[in-house]
Amino acid sequence: MLRSLPSLPRRAASLVRHTLLAPVFGAAALLSACGSDSTAPNIPSNPAVETYASALGVNIANMTKRNDNLFVQDLVVGTGAEAIAGRTIRVTYSGFLINGNRFDTNVGGAPFSFALGAGMVIQGWDQGVAGMKVGGKRKLVIGSSLGYGNQGSGPIPPNATLVFDVELLSVQ
């Protein structure tokens, strides 16, 4: 297309070239700004001020605040053995981003086992599952500083608040 411009006056051809190329350079600049920029702000999430998809059933005002980055709500209070640090527990769970997108679940599959308090899971789980009793179901809302931080993990973006529905199956 630019080869047909010589018939135009030199100034007009230059104007057309710049008009055609400006969006290309602008788009390139915008895309480079969207990449992983080490100067981008690293702001941890704040579960208390997030907006949650209604399907998640999160109402922070009705939850127990364990700290600024962990809110819990017992949906069903269990009656069995209590989950305490050092014990191996088995759970089923589903994990969601605040927009309602599920990023992981083992419901319908094999239970997930881990030693509570041993650092085998994110801190929000070690702290949020502690105190549950077998048969209990709990909703956890975990800020990024007790989750995957500014690195994220797989489908979990950096600085994401996470919502988990957890059922405690056993304590050993």
Protein backbone atom coordinates (compact mmCIF):
# COMPACT_ATOMS: atom_id res chain seq x y z
CA MET A 1 0.00 0.00 0.00
CA LEU A 2 2.79 2.45 0.84
CA ARG A 3 4.40 1.90 -2.61
CA SER A 4 1.46 3.64 -4.28
CA LEU A 5 2.09 6.84 -2.35
CA PRO A 6 4.78 8.46 -4.57
CA SER A 7 2.05 10.10 -6.63
CA LEU A 8 1.05 12.08 -3.53
CA PRO A 9 3.06 15.10 -2.50
CA ARG A 10 5.98 14.10 -0.24
CA ARG A 11 4.43 15.72 2.88
CA ALA A 12 1.07 13.95 2.37
CA ALA A 13 2.82 10.59 1.89
CA SER A 14 4.75 11.13 5.11
CA LEU A 15 1.53 11.98 6.96
CA VAL A 16 -0.17 8.83 5.64
CA ARG A 17 2.81 6.68 6.68
CA HIS A 18 2.79 8.12 10.21
CA THR A 19 -0.97 7.76 10.47
CA LEU A 20 -0.76 4.11 9.44
CA LEU A 21 2.20 3.26 11.66
CA ALA A 22 1.19 5.15 14.83
CA PRO A 23 -1.40 2.56 15.92
CA VAL A 24 1.14 -0.23 15.35
CA PHE A 25 3.77 1.44 17.52
CA GLY A 26 1.16 2.41 20.10
CA ALA A 27 -0.08 -1.17 20.33
CA ALA A 28 3.49 -2.44 20.68
CA ALA A 29 4.13 0.00 23.52
CA LEU A 30 0.91 -1.02 25.25
CA LEU A 31 1.69 -4.73 24.95
CA SER A 32 5.18 -4.26 26.32
CA ALA A 33 3.71 -2.39 29.28
CA CYS A 34 1.43 -5.35 29.99
CA GLY A 35 4.27 -7.86 30.24
CA SER A 36 5.94 -8.94 33.44
CA ASP A 37 7.34 -5.60 34.51
CA SER A 38 9.53 -5.77 37.58
CA THR A 39 8.49 -2.22 38.43
CA ALA A 40 4.77 -3.16 38.56
CA PRO A 41 3.34 -2.68 42.04
CA ASN A 42 3.39 -5.74 44.26
CA ILE A 43 0.25 -5.18 46.27
CA PRO A 44 -0.97 -8.13 48.36
CA SER A 45 -4.69 -8.78 48.26
CA ASN A 46 -6.99 -7.61 51.05
CA PRO A 47 -9.86 -10.08 51.56
CA ALA A 48 -11.85 -7.56 53.62
CA VAL A 49 -12.39 -5.24 50.64
CA GLU A 50 -12.70 -7.70 47.75
CA THR A 51 -15.88 -8.17 45.74
CA TYR A 52 -16.84 -11.85 45.59
CA ALA A 53 -18.96 -13.63 42.99
CA SER A 54 -22.37 -14.26 44.55
CA ALA A 55 -22.13 -17.99 43.73
CA LEU A 56 -19.29 -18.27 46.30
CA GLY A 57 -21.57 -17.36 49.20
CA VAL A 58 -18.91 -15.20 50.83
CA ASN A 59 -20.05 -12.56 53.28
CA ILE A 60 -16.94 -11.32 55.06
CA ALA A 61 -19.07 -9.56 57.71
CA ASN A 62 -20.44 -12.96 58.79
CA MET A 63 -17.06 -14.67 58.91
CA THR A 64 -14.57 -15.00 61.75
CA LYS A 65 -11.47 -12.92 61.16
CA ARG A 66 -8.39 -14.90 62.20
CA ASN A 67 -6.10 -12.14 60.93
CA ASP A 68 -6.08 -9.57 58.11
CA ASN A 69 -5.52 -12.34 55.55
CA LEU A 70 -7.69 -15.16 56.83
CA PHE A 71 -11.43 -15.33 57.34
CA VAL A 72 -13.24 -18.57 58.22
CA GLN A 73 -16.85 -19.64 58.45
CA ASP A 74 -18.05 -22.99 59.73
CA LEU A 75 -20.85 -24.15 57.45
CA VAL A 76 -21.23 -27.41 59.38
CA VAL A 77 -19.62 -27.92 62.79
CA GLY A 78 -18.14 -31.39 63.03
CA THR A 79 -18.42 -33.67 66.06
CA GLY A 80 -15.37 -35.92 65.57
CA ALA A 81 -11.67 -35.58 66.32
CA GLU A 82 -10.15 -32.10 66.12
CA ALA A 83 -7.59 -31.07 63.51
CA ILE A 84 -4.49 -29.99 65.42
CA ALA A 85 -0.91 -29.33 64.37
CA GLY A 86 1.17 -32.45 63.86
CA ARG A 87 -1.80 -34.65 62.94
CA THR A 88 -2.41 -35.99 59.44
CA ILE A 89 -5.77 -34.91 58.14
CA ARG A 90 -7.81 -35.94 55.11
CA VAL A 91 -10.07 -33.46 53.37
CA THR A 92 -12.11 -32.82 50.28
CA TYR A 93 -12.02 -29.28 48.94
CA SER A 94 -12.81 -26.92 46.09
CA GLY A 95 -10.76 -23.78 45.46
CA PHE A 96 -12.07 -20.65 43.74
CA LEU A 97 -10.86 -17.25 42.62
CA ILE A 98 -13.03 -14.35 43.81
CA ASN A 99 -14.69 -14.11 40.38
CA GLY A 100 -16.16 -17.58 41.01
CA ASN A 101 -13.82 -19.52 38.71
CA ARG A 102 -12.89 -22.86 40.26
CA PHE A 103 -9.17 -23.56 39.90
CA ASP A 104 -8.97 -26.88 41.75
CA THR A 105 -11.07 -29.56 43.44
CA ASN A 106 -10.82 -33.12 44.63
CA VAL A 107 -14.55 -33.53 45.30
CA GLY A 108 -15.62 -36.82 43.75
CA GLY A 109 -12.02 -38.06 43.79
CA ALA A 110 -9.46 -39.22 46.30
CA PRO A 111 -9.22 -37.27 49.58
CA PHE A 112 -6.23 -34.97 50.05
CA SER A 113 -4.01 -35.80 53.05
CA PHE A 114 -1.39 -33.63 54.71
CA ALA A 115 0.27 -33.07 58.06
CA LEU A 116 -1.35 -30.00 59.57
CA GLY A 117 1.10 -27.26 60.55
CA ALA A 118 4.04 -28.87 58.75
CA GLY A 119 4.15 -26.35 55.89
CA MET A 120 2.98 -28.90 53.32
CA VAL A 121 0.21 -26.55 52.19
CA ILE A 122 -0.21 -22.78 51.97
CA GLN A 123 -0.22 -20.99 55.32
CA GLY A 124 -3.88 -20.09 54.94
CA TRP A 125 -4.75 -23.78 54.97
CA ASP A 126 -2.51 -24.64 57.93
CA GLN A 127 -4.12 -21.81 59.91
CA GLY A 128 -7.65 -22.07 58.50
CA VAL A 129 -8.22 -25.81 58.89
CA ALA A 130 -6.83 -25.94 62.44
CA GLY A 131 -9.62 -26.43 64.95
CA MET A 132 -12.05 -28.12 62.58
CA LYS A 133 -13.64 -31.35 63.73
CA VAL A 134 -14.26 -34.43 61.59
CA GLY A 135 -17.53 -34.05 59.72
CA GLY A 136 -17.14 -30.28 59.63
CA LYS A 137 -17.35 -28.08 56.56
CA ARG A 138 -15.63 -24.70 56.49
CA LYS A 139 -15.27 -21.83 54.06
CA LEU A 140 -11.82 -20.21 54.02
CA VAL A 141 -11.08 -16.82 52.48
CA ILE A 142 -7.31 -16.47 52.19
CA GLY A 143 -5.42 -13.32 51.26
CA SER A 144 -2.44 -13.60 48.96
CA SER A 145 0.14 -13.24 51.73
CA LEU A 146 -1.11 -16.54 53.20
CA GLY A 147 -1.69 -18.06 49.75
CA TYR A 148 0.55 -17.95 46.69
CA GLY A 149 1.80 -14.38 47.16
CA ASN A 150 3.05 -12.27 44.29
CA GLN A 151 4.15 -15.35 42.33
CA GLY A 152 0.78 -17.01 41.85
CA SER A 153 0.71 -20.66 40.84
CA GLY A 154 -0.64 -22.19 37.62
CA PRO A 155 -4.18 -20.83 37.16
CA ILE A 156 -3.85 -18.66 40.30
CA PRO A 157 -2.72 -15.15 39.39
CA PRO A 158 -0.25 -13.16 41.50
CA ASN A 159 -1.70 -11.51 44.63
CA ALA A 160 -4.99 -13.42 44.39
CA THR A 161 -7.43 -13.85 47.25
CA LEU A 162 -8.61 -17.46 47.34
CA VAL A 163 -11.86 -19.04 48.54
CA PHE A 164 -11.94 -22.68 49.62
CA ASP A 165 -14.76 -24.96 50.69
CA VAL A 166 -13.22 -27.68 52.86
CA GLU A 167 -14.72 -30.79 54.47
CA LEU A 168 -12.70 -32.60 57.15
CA LEU A 169 -12.98 -36.37 56.66
CA SER A 170 -10.51 -37.73 59.21
CA VAL A 171 -7.74 -36.93 61.68
CA GLN A 172 -4.95 -39.41 62.45
